[in-house]
Amino acid sequence: MSDLTEAKEHPFRLNPVNKKISVEQTLNLRHSVLWPDKPISYVRLPEDDAGHHYGAFLSPNDTTPIAVLSVFLEALPTLDDDPAFHDLASATVPAARFRKFACDPTWQGQGVGTVLLRDAFDAARLELGCRVTWCDARLATKAWYERRGMRSFGSTFFKDVYIEMDDGDRVFMERTCAYGSPRPTK
């Protein structure tokens, strides 16, 4: 992703403008969507200064993102229960992990997150030189990520609950960074 990715034609109602942003620009949305009951300092990660942060905006001149996502260079976790991923989980395979993916509820379901995630996949490959992009996701969102070209690996695991509708069950998701991005599906 360049500093500014112009609005792209896609099958959804909005054409967001995605651009690289500072970690400070992610915090309010991270806080309001992911951890509203915690102090805002809670949503700032120790590794944020080394991260690559992206935001979706309604227009190039907007200063408040409607969706945010942060990308970190981080190897895939090594999982004994899924030997199919041992080659990719090697520390020598460049990998990017995305975290703190949040979309303003007003704009959810309109393709904003899909386009931001697609651009983050491209940035991981083109700017960071990664062969794979991964995350841990709520089990309830697994199908959403699968429709965007990701696949699960490893066993379901438990992680602290961070939003009311979250039961804490998680799954690892990954996507090989190949040339071109699959077309998003709704």
Protein backbone atom coordinates (compact mmCIF):
# COMPACT_ATOMS: atom_id res chain seq x y z
CA MET A 1 0.00 0.00 0.00
CA SER A 2 1.45 3.36 -0.90
CA ASP A 3 0.96 6.31 1.43
CA LEU A 4 -2.43 6.75 -0.16
CA THR A 5 -4.43 4.14 -2.01
CA GLU A 6 -7.05 5.90 -4.07
CA ALA A 7 -10.62 4.72 -3.83
CA LYS A 8 -11.01 1.51 -5.81
CA GLU A 9 -14.06 0.22 -7.60
CA HIS A 10 -15.51 -2.79 -5.82
CA PRO A 11 -18.92 -4.39 -5.48
CA PHE A 12 -19.82 -2.64 -2.22
CA ARG A 13 -21.51 0.68 -1.60
CA LEU A 14 -18.49 2.59 -0.31
CA ASN A 15 -15.16 3.33 -1.95
CA PRO A 16 -12.92 4.00 1.05
CA VAL A 17 -9.51 5.58 0.76
CA ASN A 18 -6.89 3.54 2.61
CA LYS A 19 -3.63 5.00 3.78
CA LYS A 20 -0.79 4.43 6.18
CA ILE A 21 -1.41 6.20 9.50
CA SER A 22 0.26 6.71 12.87
CA VAL A 23 -0.47 4.46 15.82
CA GLU A 24 -2.07 7.46 17.53
CA GLN A 25 -4.65 7.62 14.75
CA THR A 26 -5.71 4.02 15.50
CA LEU A 27 -6.27 4.38 19.22
CA ASN A 28 -9.73 5.99 19.45
CA LEU A 29 -11.33 3.48 17.09
CA ARG A 30 -9.51 0.52 18.66
CA HIS A 31 -10.76 1.71 22.03
CA SER A 32 -14.39 2.35 21.08
CA VAL A 33 -14.82 -0.92 19.12
CA LEU A 34 -12.56 -3.45 20.85
CA TRP A 35 -12.09 -2.39 24.47
CA PRO A 36 -14.65 0.32 25.36
CA ASP A 37 -14.67 -0.61 29.07
CA LYS A 38 -10.91 -0.23 29.50
CA PRO A 39 -8.83 2.96 29.61
CA ILE A 40 -7.57 4.08 26.20
CA SER A 41 -4.00 3.26 27.26
CA TYR A 42 -5.05 -0.40 27.30
CA VAL A 43 -5.35 -0.53 23.48
CA ARG A 44 -1.79 0.65 22.85
CA LEU A 45 0.47 -2.35 22.34
CA PRO A 46 4.10 -2.39 23.50
CA GLU A 47 5.10 -3.30 19.91
CA ASP A 48 3.01 -0.55 18.27
CA ASP A 49 6.05 1.63 17.55
CA ALA A 50 7.43 -1.15 15.31
CA GLY A 51 4.08 -1.74 13.59
CA HIS A 52 2.63 -0.61 10.30
CA HIS A 53 -0.77 0.99 10.79
CA TYR A 54 -3.47 1.51 8.17
CA GLY A 55 -6.76 3.33 8.15
CA ALA A 56 -9.79 3.54 5.88
CA PHE A 57 -11.25 6.99 5.28
CA LEU A 58 -14.38 8.20 3.51
CA SER A 59 -12.32 10.69 1.48
CA PRO A 60 -8.63 11.59 1.04
CA ASN A 61 -9.08 14.71 3.19
CA ASP A 62 -10.68 12.99 6.19
CA THR A 63 -8.58 12.80 9.35
CA THR A 64 -10.70 10.31 11.30
CA PRO A 65 -10.49 6.70 10.13
CA ILE A 66 -13.64 4.56 9.89
CA ALA A 67 -11.59 1.34 10.09
CA VAL A 68 -8.08 0.56 11.32
CA LEU A 69 -5.69 -2.38 11.23
CA SER A 70 -2.11 -2.82 12.43
CA VAL A 71 0.49 -5.13 10.86
CA PHE A 72 3.58 -6.52 12.62
CA LEU A 73 6.47 -8.62 11.36
CA GLU A 74 5.95 -11.80 13.39
CA ALA A 75 6.57 -15.46 12.54
CA LEU A 76 3.65 -17.86 12.46
CA PRO A 77 3.20 -19.72 15.73
CA THR A 78 4.67 -23.21 15.75
CA LEU A 79 1.86 -25.64 16.46
CA ASP A 80 2.51 -29.29 17.22
CA ASP A 81 -1.08 -30.18 16.30
CA ASP A 82 -0.80 -28.97 12.69
CA PRO A 83 2.34 -30.27 10.94
CA ALA A 84 1.10 -28.95 7.57
CA PHE A 85 2.19 -25.46 8.63
CA HIS A 86 5.65 -26.30 9.99
CA ASP A 87 7.40 -25.08 6.81
CA LEU A 88 5.55 -21.75 6.91
CA ALA A 89 6.06 -21.43 10.67
CA SER A 90 9.82 -21.40 10.25
CA ALA A 91 11.46 -18.25 11.59
CA THR A 92 13.14 -17.86 8.19
CA VAL A 93 9.81 -17.44 6.35
CA PRO A 94 8.88 -13.74 6.45
CA ALA A 95 5.43 -13.40 8.00
CA ALA A 96 3.18 -10.54 9.02
CA ARG A 97 0.55 -10.66 11.75
CA PHE A 98 -2.34 -8.24 11.72
CA ARG A 99 -3.95 -7.17 14.95
CA LYS A 100 -6.37 -4.62 16.35
CA PHE A 101 -8.64 -4.71 13.29
CA ALA A 102 -11.60 -2.45 14.07
CA CYS A 103 -14.35 -0.91 11.96
CA ASP A 104 -16.77 1.73 13.17
CA PRO A 105 -20.11 -0.11 13.58
CA THR A 106 -21.79 2.53 11.39
CA TRP A 107 -19.71 1.33 8.43
CA GLN A 108 -19.63 -2.43 9.09
CA GLY A 109 -21.09 -4.63 6.37
CA GLN A 110 -20.32 -2.13 3.60
CA GLY A 111 -16.98 -3.49 2.39
CA VAL A 112 -14.75 -1.08 4.32
CA GLY A 113 -12.98 -3.80 6.32
CA THR A 114 -12.69 -6.09 3.30
CA VAL A 115 -10.91 -3.44 1.24
CA LEU A 116 -8.63 -2.45 4.15
CA LEU A 117 -7.71 -6.10 4.77
CA ARG A 118 -7.02 -6.68 1.05
CA ASP A 119 -4.70 -3.67 1.00
CA ALA A 120 -2.98 -4.91 4.18
CA PHE A 121 -2.33 -8.27 2.47
CA ASP A 122 -0.79 -6.40 -0.47
CA ALA A 123 1.32 -4.20 1.84
CA ALA A 124 2.60 -7.26 3.73
CA ARG A 125 3.77 -8.78 0.45
CA LEU A 126 4.99 -5.69 -1.42
CA GLU A 127 6.31 -3.43 1.33
CA LEU A 128 7.32 -5.93 4.03
CA GLY A 129 8.36 -8.83 1.78
CA CYS A 130 6.22 -11.37 3.63
CA ARG A 131 5.22 -14.77 2.27
CA VAL A 132 2.32 -15.24 4.67
CA THR A 133 -0.06 -13.03 6.66
CA TRP A 134 -1.83 -14.32 9.76
CA CYS A 135 -3.97 -13.40 12.74
CA ASP A 136 -5.86 -14.96 15.58
CA ALA A 137 -9.57 -14.41 15.16
CA ARG A 138 -12.75 -14.93 17.12
CA LEU A 139 -14.27 -18.24 16.12
CA ALA A 140 -17.45 -16.37 15.20
CA THR A 141 -15.52 -14.45 12.49
CA LYS A 142 -13.79 -17.48 10.93
CA ALA A 143 -16.18 -17.67 7.93
CA TRP A 144 -15.73 -13.93 7.27
CA TYR A 145 -11.94 -14.38 7.01
CA GLU A 146 -12.33 -17.51 4.89
CA ARG A 147 -14.38 -15.53 2.35
CA ARG A 148 -11.39 -13.18 2.13
CA GLY A 149 -8.93 -15.92 1.20
CA MET A 150 -7.71 -16.99 4.64
CA ARG A 151 -7.73 -20.49 6.09
CA SER A 152 -7.62 -21.71 9.65
CA PHE A 153 -4.79 -23.73 11.15
CA GLY A 154 -4.14 -25.29 14.52
CA SER A 155 -6.72 -26.03 17.17
CA THR A 156 -9.31 -23.69 18.61
CA PHE A 157 -7.92 -21.98 21.70
CA PHE A 158 -9.19 -19.67 24.42
CA LYS A 159 -8.15 -16.05 24.82
CA ASP A 160 -9.43 -13.40 27.22
CA VAL A 161 -12.83 -12.02 26.28
CA TYR A 162 -12.63 -8.46 25.03
CA ILE A 163 -16.08 -7.60 23.72
CA GLU A 164 -19.50 -8.44 25.12
CA MET A 165 -20.49 -10.88 22.37
CA ASP A 166 -17.16 -12.71 22.52
CA ASP A 167 -16.96 -16.13 24.18
CA GLY A 168 -13.15 -16.17 24.07
CA ASP A 169 -12.80 -19.02 21.55
CA ARG A 170 -10.18 -18.24 18.89
CA VAL A 171 -8.71 -19.78 15.79
CA PHE A 172 -5.51 -18.97 13.92
CA MET A 173 -6.06 -17.81 10.31
CA GLU A 174 -3.44 -17.44 7.56
CA ARG A 175 -3.17 -16.40 3.95
CA THR A 176 -0.20 -16.98 1.69
CA CYS A 177 0.91 -13.70 0.14
CA ALA A 178 0.62 -14.53 -3.53
CA TYR A 179 0.67 -12.08 -6.38
CA GLY A 180 -2.70 -10.45 -6.76
CA SER A 181 -5.52 -10.64 -4.24
CA PRO A 182 -8.59 -12.81 -4.49
CA ARG A 183 -11.79 -10.92 -5.13
CA PRO A 184 -13.54 -10.22 -1.84
CA THR A 185 -16.93 -11.82 -1.32
CA LYS A 186 -19.67 -10.39 0.80
